[in-house]
Protein backbone atom coordinates (compact mmCIF):
# COMPACT_ATOMS: atom_id res chain seq x y z
CA UNK A 1 -14.69 -15.97 -13.34
CA UNK A 2 -11.28 -17.88 -12.81
CA UNK A 3 -8.98 -14.92 -12.32
CA UNK A 4 -5.41 -15.59 -12.36
CA UNK A 5 -2.77 -13.02 -10.12
CA UNK A 6 0.50 -12.92 -12.70
CA UNK A 7 3.44 -12.02 -9.81
CA UNK A 8 6.76 -11.33 -11.21
CA UNK A 9 8.47 -9.50 -8.23
CA UNK A 10 10.21 -11.33 -5.54
CA UNK A 11 8.60 -9.59 -2.64
CA UNK A 12 9.36 -10.49 0.99
CA UNK A 13 6.53 -10.01 2.94
CA UNK A 14 6.11 -6.33 1.79
CA UNK A 15 3.01 -4.38 -0.05
CA UNK A 16 2.97 -6.39 -2.97
CA UNK A 17 2.04 -9.52 -1.58
CA UNK A 18 -0.28 -7.95 0.75
CA UNK A 19 -1.74 -6.17 -1.78
CA UNK A 20 -2.33 -9.76 -3.70
CA UNK A 21 -3.82 -11.00 -0.58
CA UNK A 22 -6.36 -8.58 0.03
CA UNK A 23 -7.22 -8.68 -4.14
CA UNK A 24 -7.62 -12.99 -3.50
CA UNK A 25 -9.65 -12.12 -0.80
CA UNK A 26 -11.95 -9.74 -2.53
CA UNK A 27 -12.24 -11.78 -5.56
CA UNK A 28 -13.62 -14.76 -3.25
CA UNK A 29 -15.71 -13.01 -1.90
CA UNK A 30 -17.45 -11.69 -4.79
CA UNK A 31 -17.74 -15.79 -6.07
CA UNK A 32 -14.57 -15.34 -8.01
CA UNK A 33 -11.88 -18.19 -8.56
CA UNK A 34 -8.69 -16.89 -7.60
CA UNK A 35 -5.40 -18.55 -8.90
CA UNK A 36 -1.52 -17.47 -8.97
CA UNK A 37 0.68 -17.49 -12.07
CA UNK A 38 4.30 -17.26 -11.25
CA UNK A 39 7.87 -17.93 -12.64
CA UNK A 40 8.50 -21.41 -12.06
CA UNK A 41 10.56 -22.00 -9.12
CA UNK A 42 9.15 -19.14 -6.95
CA UNK A 43 8.64 -19.43 -3.22
CA UNK A 44 6.59 -16.46 -2.00
CA UNK A 45 6.66 -15.53 1.70
CA UNK A 46 2.97 -16.00 1.96
CA UNK A 47 0.84 -19.08 1.04
CA UNK A 48 -2.50 -17.74 -0.33
CA UNK A 49 -3.91 -21.39 -0.34
CA UNK A 50 -5.04 -21.05 -4.19
CA UNK A 51 -3.86 -23.06 -7.01
CA UNK A 52 -0.55 -21.97 -8.55
CA UNK A 53 0.53 -22.44 -12.15
CA UNK A 54 4.28 -22.12 -12.91
CA UNK A 55 5.49 -20.15 -15.95
CA UNK A 56 8.43 -20.77 -18.14
CA UNK A 57 11.07 -18.13 -19.11
CA UNK A 58 13.37 -18.21 -16.09
CA UNK A 59 13.52 -17.34 -12.30
CA UNK A 60 12.59 -13.78 -10.96
CA UNK A 61 15.15 -11.25 -10.86
CA UNK A 62 15.96 -9.48 -7.64
CA UNK A 63 17.86 -6.03 -7.42
CA UNK A 64 18.86 -6.55 -3.86
CA UNK A 65 22.32 -5.60 -3.26
CA UNK A 66 23.07 -5.05 -6.96
CA UNK A 67 24.62 -1.83 -7.92
CA UNK A 68 26.19 -0.18 -11.15
CA UNK A 69 26.56 -2.16 -14.53
CA UNK A 70 25.40 -5.39 -13.04
CA UNK A 71 22.08 -3.61 -12.20
CA UNK A 72 21.80 -2.55 -15.85
CA UNK A 73 22.33 -5.95 -16.83
CA UNK A 74 19.77 -7.32 -14.26
CA UNK A 75 17.32 -4.79 -15.55
CA UNK A 76 17.77 -6.12 -19.30
CA UNK A 77 17.42 -9.85 -17.98
CA UNK A 78 14.22 -8.94 -16.32
CA UNK A 79 12.82 -7.31 -19.23
CA UNK A 80 13.19 -10.15 -21.50
CA UNK A 81 12.38 -12.83 -19.09
CA UNK A 82 9.08 -10.76 -18.34
CA UNK A 83 8.63 -10.87 -22.03
CA UNK A 84 8.79 -14.94 -21.83
CA UNK A 85 6.55 -14.94 -18.80
CA UNK A 86 3.92 -13.03 -20.55
CA UNK A 87 3.90 -15.58 -23.64
CA UNK A 88 3.96 -18.46 -20.88
CA UNK A 89 0.88 -16.65 -18.93
CA UNK A 90 -1.15 -16.76 -22.30
CA UNK A 91 -0.67 -20.41 -22.91
CA UNK A 92 -1.37 -21.11 -19.54
CA UNK A 93 -4.62 -18.99 -19.38
CA UNK A 94 -5.71 -20.78 -22.49
CA UNK A 95 -5.01 -24.24 -21.50
CA UNK A 96 -6.46 -23.85 -18.19
CA UNK A 97 -9.53 -21.92 -19.15
CA UNK A 98 -8.56 -18.75 -17.03
CA UNK A 99 -11.14 -15.86 -17.69
CA UNK A 100 -8.86 -13.09 -16.59
CA UNK A 101 -5.15 -12.23 -15.80
CA UNK A 102 -4.48 -9.54 -13.29
CA UNK A 103 -0.96 -7.72 -12.81
CA UNK A 104 -1.44 -6.10 -9.68
CA UNK A 105 1.69 -3.75 -9.24
CA UNK A 106 2.45 -2.50 -12.50
CA UNK A 107 4.47 0.38 -13.91
CA UNK A 108 4.76 1.81 -17.37
CA UNK A 109 7.84 -0.59 -18.06
CA UNK A 110 5.18 -3.64 -18.14
CA UNK A 111 3.97 -2.19 -21.31
CA UNK A 112 7.30 -1.97 -23.11
CA UNK A 113 7.29 -5.57 -22.13
CA UNK A 114 3.88 -6.18 -23.70
CA UNK A 115 4.33 -4.78 -26.73
CA UNK A 116 6.77 -7.58 -27.50
CA UNK A 117 4.86 -10.42 -25.77
CA UNK A 118 2.01 -12.39 -27.42
CA UNK A 119 -0.17 -11.64 -24.73
CA UNK A 120 -1.28 -8.21 -26.35
CA UNK A 121 -2.70 -10.55 -29.09
CA UNK A 122 -4.58 -13.14 -27.08
CA UNK A 123 -8.47 -13.32 -26.21
CA UNK A 124 -7.78 -13.30 -22.00
CA UNK A 125 -8.54 -9.91 -20.85
CA UNK A 126 -5.43 -8.85 -18.96
CA UNK A 127 -5.97 -5.79 -16.38
CA UNK A 128 -2.60 -3.99 -15.23
CA UNK A 129 -3.04 -2.23 -11.98
CA UNK A 130 -0.92 0.75 -11.46
CA UNK A 131 -0.41 2.22 -8.00
CA UNK A 132 -0.83 5.81 -9.10
CA UNK A 133 1.16 7.92 -11.77
CA UNK A 134 3.20 10.81 -10.87
CA UNK A 135 4.08 13.69 -13.09
CA UNK A 136 7.32 12.66 -13.83
CA UNK A 137 6.25 8.90 -15.22
CA UNK A 138 3.00 10.57 -16.90
CA UNK A 139 4.43 11.01 -20.50
CA UNK A 140 6.12 7.66 -20.48
CA UNK A 141 2.63 6.19 -19.11
CA UNK A 142 0.63 8.23 -21.63
CA UNK A 143 2.65 6.88 -24.50
CA UNK A 144 2.73 3.35 -23.49
CA UNK A 145 -0.96 3.35 -22.88
CA UNK A 146 -1.60 4.66 -26.53
CA UNK A 147 0.52 1.98 -27.90
CA UNK A 148 -1.54 -0.62 -26.54
CA UNK A 149 -4.69 1.04 -27.79
CA UNK A 150 -5.14 -1.60 -30.55
CA UNK A 151 -5.31 -4.44 -28.37
CA UNK A 152 -8.63 -4.53 -27.05
CA UNK A 153 -8.09 -7.25 -24.38
CA UNK A 154 -5.53 -5.17 -22.53
CA UNK A 155 -6.92 -3.08 -19.73
CA UNK A 156 -4.80 -0.31 -18.01
CA UNK A 157 -6.45 0.50 -14.33
CA UNK A 158 -4.95 3.11 -12.45
CA UNK A 159 -5.72 2.97 -8.44
CA UNK A 160 -5.82 6.71 -7.45
CA UNK A 161 -8.08 9.37 -5.70
CA UNK A 162 -7.54 12.22 -8.29
CA UNK A 163 -7.90 12.39 -11.83
CA UNK A 164 -4.61 13.98 -13.32
CA UNK A 165 -5.42 13.15 -16.98
CA UNK A 166 -8.53 14.81 -17.97
CA UNK A 167 -9.08 15.00 -21.70
CA UNK A 168 -5.54 13.27 -22.12
CA UNK A 169 -6.83 9.84 -20.87
CA UNK A 170 -7.01 7.10 -23.47
CA UNK A 171 -10.27 5.22 -23.57
CA UNK A 172 -8.14 1.91 -22.22
CA UNK A 173 -7.27 3.60 -18.90
CA UNK A 174 -9.64 3.48 -16.13
CA UNK A 175 -9.18 5.02 -12.75
CA UNK A 176 -10.59 3.51 -9.52
CA UNK A 177 -10.23 3.95 -6.09
CA UNK A 178 -7.76 2.00 -3.89
CA UNK A 179 -9.36 -0.39 -1.49
CA UNK A 180 -8.91 -0.88 2.30
CA UNK A 181 -6.36 -2.89 3.31
CA UNK A 182 -7.36 -5.18 5.96
CA UNK A 183 -8.05 -8.82 5.80
CA UNK A 184 -11.18 -10.09 7.13
CA UNK A 185 -9.07 -12.62 9.28
CA UNK A 186 -7.65 -9.68 11.42
CA UNK A 187 -10.46 -8.49 13.88
CA UNK A 188 -10.76 -5.13 15.75
CA UNK A 189 -9.54 -5.35 19.37
CA UNK A 190 -11.54 -3.59 22.30
CA UNK A 191 -10.24 -0.27 23.56
CA UNK A 192 -8.96 0.30 26.93
CA UNK A 193 -9.12 2.91 29.63
CA UNK A 194 -5.81 4.30 27.95
CA UNK A 195 -5.80 6.18 24.78
CA UNK A 196 -3.49 4.54 22.27
CA UNK A 197 -2.01 6.06 19.31
CA UNK A 198 0.22 4.07 17.02
CA UNK A 199 3.12 5.30 14.73
CA UNK A 200 4.16 2.73 12.32
CA UNK A 201 7.15 2.27 10.06
CA UNK A 202 11.17 2.08 9.43
CA UNK A 203 13.35 4.67 11.19
CA UNK A 204 15.98 6.39 9.21
CA UNK A 205 17.90 8.77 10.91
CA UNK A 206 16.67 12.47 10.82
CA UNK A 207 12.99 11.48 9.32
CA UNK A 208 9.48 12.31 10.29
CA UNK A 209 10.64 14.64 13.13
CA UNK A 210 10.79 12.06 15.58
CA UNK A 211 12.17 14.36 18.19
CA UNK A 212 9.01 16.98 17.80
CA UNK A 213 6.90 13.93 18.66
CA UNK A 214 8.64 12.51 21.50
CA UNK A 215 9.09 16.16 23.18
CA UNK A 216 5.15 16.84 22.91
CA UNK A 217 4.57 13.69 24.34
CA UNK A 218 6.66 14.50 27.16
CA UNK A 219 5.52 18.04 27.67
CA UNK A 220 1.67 18.51 26.43
CA UNK A 221 -0.80 18.93 28.78
CA UNK A 222 -3.19 16.00 27.86
CA UNK A 223 -6.35 15.54 30.01
CA UNK A 224 -6.83 12.09 29.47
CA UNK A 225 -4.32 8.84 29.93
CA UNK A 226 -2.57 8.46 26.70
CA UNK A 227 0.14 6.33 25.21
CA UNK A 228 2.29 6.60 22.10
CA UNK A 229 3.16 3.05 20.37
CA UNK A 230 5.96 4.13 18.18
CA UNK A 231 7.88 1.52 15.84
CA UNK A 232 11.10 2.41 15.03
CA UNK A 233 12.76 -0.40 12.88
CA UNK A 234 16.34 0.68 11.69
CA UNK A 235 17.16 0.02 8.41
CA UNK A 236 20.72 0.41 8.48
CA UNK A 237 23.98 0.22 11.32
CA UNK A 238 23.80 3.72 11.71
CA UNK A 239 19.67 3.89 12.20
CA UNK A 240 20.19 0.90 14.82
CA UNK A 241 22.60 2.97 17.08
CA UNK A 242 20.18 6.20 16.79
CA UNK A 243 17.53 3.69 17.76
CA UNK A 244 18.87 2.41 20.71
CA UNK A 245 19.59 5.89 21.78
CA UNK A 246 16.58 7.20 21.53
CA UNK A 247 14.97 4.06 23.17
CA UNK A 248 17.13 4.69 25.78
CA UNK A 249 16.66 7.98 26.46
CA UNK A 250 12.87 7.54 26.92
CA UNK A 251 12.42 4.21 28.08
CA UNK A 252 11.01 5.87 31.61
CA UNK A 253 8.47 7.67 30.08
CA UNK A 254 5.23 5.91 30.90
CA UNK A 255 3.38 7.84 27.75
CA UNK A 256 5.91 5.43 25.21
CA UNK A 257 6.41 2.03 24.08
CA UNK A 258 8.65 1.34 21.36
CA UNK A 259 8.80 -1.43 18.71
CA UNK A 260 12.18 -1.83 17.15
CA UNK A 261 11.71 -4.79 14.86
CA UNK A 262 9.84 -5.39 11.81
CA UNK A 263 6.17 -5.93 11.89
CA UNK A 264 5.12 -8.62 9.31
CA UNK A 265 1.90 -10.30 7.89
CA UNK A 266 -0.65 -10.46 10.59
CA UNK A 267 1.50 -8.79 12.85
CA UNK A 268 1.54 -5.94 10.87
CA UNK A 269 -2.47 -5.98 11.08
CA UNK A 270 -3.00 -6.60 14.69
CA UNK A 271 -0.56 -3.86 15.71
CA UNK A 272 -2.72 -1.52 13.60
CA UNK A 273 -5.95 -2.95 15.70
CA UNK A 274 -4.39 -2.87 18.77
CA UNK A 275 -4.14 1.15 18.79
CA UNK A 276 -6.93 3.38 18.97
CA UNK A 277 -5.61 6.05 16.58
CA UNK A 278 -3.07 5.78 13.52
CA UNK A 279 -0.30 8.95 13.61
CA UNK A 280 0.46 9.55 10.06
CA UNK A 281 3.34 12.46 9.67
CA UNK A 282 4.00 11.70 5.97
CA UNK A 283 4.95 14.81 3.91
CA UNK A 284 6.68 13.49 0.84
CA UNK A 285 5.23 14.75 -2.59
CA UNK A 286 4.77 11.15 -4.06
CA UNK A 287 1.58 11.18 -1.58
CA UNK A 288 -0.34 13.26 -3.76
CA UNK A 289 -0.29 10.76 -6.34
CA UNK A 290 0.33 7.30 -4.95
CA UNK A 291 -2.22 6.22 -2.13
CA UNK A 292 -0.72 5.09 0.94
CA UNK A 293 -1.12 1.58 2.14
CA UNK A 294 -0.71 2.55 5.95
CA UNK A 295 -3.34 5.11 5.54
CA UNK A 296 -5.87 2.67 3.73
CA UNK A 297 -5.19 0.07 6.71
CA UNK A 298 -5.87 2.30 9.42
CA UNK A 299 -9.34 3.05 7.38
CA UNK A 300 -10.11 -0.30 6.77
CA UNK A 301 -9.24 -1.21 10.64
CA UNK A 302 -11.55 1.92 11.35
CA UNK A 303 -8.75 4.15 13.16
CA UNK A 304 -9.12 7.69 13.61
CA UNK A 305 -5.78 9.48 12.09
CA UNK A 306 -3.56 12.31 12.60
CA UNK A 307 -2.19 13.20 9.10
CA UNK A 308 -1.07 15.67 6.66
CA UNK A 309 -2.73 17.87 4.08
CA UNK A 310 -0.17 16.18 1.87
CA UNK A 311 -1.28 12.39 2.27
CA UNK A 312 -4.16 11.18 0.08
CA UNK A 313 -5.76 14.73 0.98
CA UNK A 314 -8.77 13.76 -0.80
CA UNK A 315 -9.95 11.51 1.52
CA UNK A 316 -10.20 13.87 4.63
CA UNK A 317 -11.64 16.46 2.08
CA UNK A 318 -14.51 14.08 2.20
CA UNK A 319 -14.64 12.06 5.29
CA UNK A 320 -13.62 13.65 8.52
CA UNK A 321 -11.82 10.59 9.60
CA UNK A 322 -9.38 12.38 12.11
CA UNK A 323 -7.35 15.72 12.25
CA UNK A 324 -4.51 17.27 10.40
CA UNK A 325 -1.33 17.95 11.69
CA UNK A 326 1.26 20.86 10.80
CA UNK A 327 4.94 19.30 10.58
CA UNK A 328 6.39 22.52 9.98
CA UNK A 329 5.86 24.27 13.15
CA UNK A 330 6.48 22.72 16.50
CA UNK A 331 4.39 25.19 18.59
CA UNK A 332 1.48 24.46 16.25
CA UNK A 333 2.32 20.86 16.01
CA UNK A 334 2.36 20.47 19.86
CA UNK A 335 -1.30 22.49 20.09
CA UNK A 336 -2.93 20.51 17.85
CA UNK A 337 -1.64 17.09 19.49
CA UNK A 338 -3.28 18.67 22.90
CA UNK A 339 -6.39 19.47 21.02
CA UNK A 340 -6.81 16.13 19.34
CA UNK A 341 -6.23 14.22 22.51
CA UNK A 342 -8.25 16.34 24.87
CA UNK A 343 -11.43 16.63 22.73
CA UNK A 344 -11.20 12.82 21.30
CA UNK A 345 -13.95 11.56 23.30
CA UNK A 346 -16.28 14.30 22.33
CA UNK A 347 -15.43 13.83 18.53
CA UNK A 348 -15.01 9.83 18.65
CA UNK A 349 -18.56 9.13 17.30
CA UNK A 350 -18.03 11.65 14.37
CA UNK A 351 -15.04 9.93 13.43
CA UNK A 352 -16.27 6.43 13.69
CA UNK A 353 -19.33 7.39 11.40
CA UNK A 354 -17.02 9.18 9.00
CA UNK A 355 -14.97 5.87 8.91
CA UNK A 356 -17.67 3.51 8.23
CA UNK A 357 -18.86 5.83 5.49
CA UNK A 358 -15.08 5.56 3.79
CA UNK A 359 -15.04 1.97 4.31
CA UNK A 360 -18.26 1.44 2.14
CA UNK A 361 -16.74 3.73 -0.43
CA UNK A 362 -13.16 2.24 -0.56
CA UNK A 363 -14.37 -1.42 0.02
CA UNK A 364 -12.85 -4.05 -1.48
CA UNK A 365 -15.93 -5.13 -3.18
CA UNK A 366 -16.21 -1.86 -4.78
CA UNK A 367 -12.68 -2.17 -6.10
CA UNK A 368 -13.51 -5.71 -7.43
CA UNK A 369 -16.49 -4.00 -9.24
CA UNK A 370 -14.57 -1.23 -10.73
CA UNK A 371 -11.81 -3.50 -11.96
CA UNK A 372 -13.74 -5.34 -14.23
């Protein structure tokens, strides 16, 4: 099939573009012909090397640095333009012989725009992919999904590891498992004599118990050589000053190596590939409902994880791809860290076997089969 990815978000090397990249690659591997649809004049930070079709209706609206009444106005503009982009997408699809349209990071707001667009009445199948639906969004989502029931070409796909809908789920809503987030071009790197544990992400002052981790690294009794690769990419000037303080205070510790800049595109994947284990101390409630891109990157890279019971718990319930950590009690946390590292060589084969099985279930090819 000739499948168009309709991108209407001006993303700068963020998750949206990486998700597009993974889907394009999966479509190609499945024998489909992916193309891009974008508002006229859009320049993405990534070149996917696929045909591009421009849509009429105006340029993409960005919220960067916009607040107050101006943001409300921009929100209105974004919705009215989205209707025009949807209308244009239908015209392009019919003209160019496109067999299906994908919107890869949709929200219920997209369905509000769809109701005003000709796209809902076309013959071209349209797949809205949602990255999970949390309890606060669920009533709005269900209302919009019910409104879409008369439109047989509209398919709503929620990427999730759980079913929070039950009997409430309309027949036009499909639950599909998310795909592993690792491009085929990014190959595994060989392990060395030192166990390398990677902790990646932006740094915001006071988040993620960084002091707990650093104190444990310094004082724990590890029986094997270990190095923690810690990314602290600051988001504000205050964060930058805090990062400088942390790096300066720990720069002489041989167990720690810091990365203080953003990792973009292949540099991000290569950083994941360069470590043996990925540390994932995330506890935000949203991770019960929205799958974690870094978690599924770690799985795709076949890296064992140190994670919490909040972060997509369905994975570890089925596949023992690592160990849990307790981020509420320092002594328990430190003991768990020691135990994991000191028993790593013994448990490594079991982790690897579980990762192989997880990669089969969450493969990109399974994702594409489930989608269509």
